[in-house]
Amino acid sequence: MHYFHYRDGDLYCEEVPVATIAERVGTPFYLYSHRTLVRHFKAFDSPFEKVRHLVCYSVKANSNVALLRIFVNLGAGLDVVSGGEFFRALKSGVDPKKVVFSGVGKTEQEIEYALDSGILMFNVESSQELARIDEIAGRRRTRAPVAIRVNPDIDPKTHPYVATGLRENKFGIDFKRSITEYTYAKSLPNLEIIGVDCHIGSQLIELQPFVEALRRVKGLIGALGERGIVIQYLDLGGGLGITYKDEVPPHPTEYAAAIVEEASDLDYTLIFEPGRVIVGNAGILVSRVLYTKETGEKNFVIIDAGMNDLIRPSLYGSFQGVLPVTEGEEGEMVADVVGPICESGDFMAKNRRMPKFQPGDLVAVMSAGAYGFSMSSNYNSRPRVCEVLVRDDEFHIIREREDYDDLIRGEKIPDFLR
């Protein structure tokens, strides 16, 4: 459930009319509901209260430090995949001992940064990475806490671009080689093996892949124990899906019940890395109609937000709901909602039945809280939009809109061109 709702024909975020925010901050902008963020985090966390666990929110889904602080204040840890995300995590006030560092391509500088800060553990994805972390830890005369990300070769039944647990994916270590890799890690003097990591994909709408992956990993942990490798943490990653259109993903309580039942005979701390399921439906992208256009073949609604602001429809062909901020009586039409970017792939919706929007109307692109702003860019030299957080009857700008000077910050014309 989210707290975007209509009241007398006007779309509200909690107790604030969306149109009022648009008048104050301009368009486009991302808008988040504090009440929804808190509700969604608690809905995921609470069903695990009877087992040892740590919910490490996945920073890549939405990395604004204000949102991170909300989750940290609720007791969350954080899952990061870059030095920049770790920097944001620290700025949010998280305890480094609640941070896991994932990702297939960690640099030496990132490893040093995280190791010196005292993170909970690295989720390691290759033999060479194990060796690199060992070497860096040795130079610093410490031991690095590690888990190895194993690839259980489970079909997550999701979009191929966000499937991460199949044999052909770049992530993790092949399940058949996992014992060998753990044995190798045990031989390295500056590593402390504390966990097993497994993440099979994103936007999963069935429980069975999660359960099958856990079942396979349980067998691995038993085999590791026979070799004297004791596991303290099992990181099951994230991936629980949300409703964009007509998907019916499991509720977090159903997910938790299935995981807890399968893990009932295990004695270690479970780690989860939810992202989309927490923030996805807690945010929208608000845009204004610039023009409407008829070609004889199609109707187009041209808005001031483009694929640089929200790339998911262009990248994945994903569905994003498109709603009017103020409901009218002009009737309906079938149209494409497109942006101003010079790409044919710049669209928010295609062949969609929607209200007959007019220039100046405000449009809400729904379910944009995850992988919206965090994947945005300055393509076509467009300043990135502002982000706004509503709490009850107040709104707060949590990221200022970029201006043209921001676009060239750091760029220099060399002397020979002057």
Foldseek 3Di string as FASTA:
>chain_A
DAQFDDDPQFTDHFAATPVVVCVVAPDWAKEFELVLLVVLVCQQPVLCVVAFAAEAAECLFPPQLVSLLSVVVVVHHHEEAALVSVVSNVVSPHQQCRYEYEYADYDLVSLLVSVVSPHVAYAYADLVVLVSNLVSLVVVVAAGEYAFEEQAQFDLPDFPVFFARHPPHSGTDYNVCVVVSVVVSVPRPRYQYAEYEYEGGAQRQDQVSLLVVVVSVVVVQVVVVVVVRHYAEYESEEHFHDDQDPGHGDRSSVNSVSVCVSCVPPHHYYYYHYYLSSFQQRMKTKWFFAAWDDDVVFIETEIADKCLQFVCCLPRVDAWDKAWSGDDDQAKDFHWYAYDAPDPSITRDHRDIYHPDHGGTMMIGGRQRTRGRSRHDCVVNNWHHWYWYDYNHDIDTSGHTDDSVVSCVPPDDDPVVD
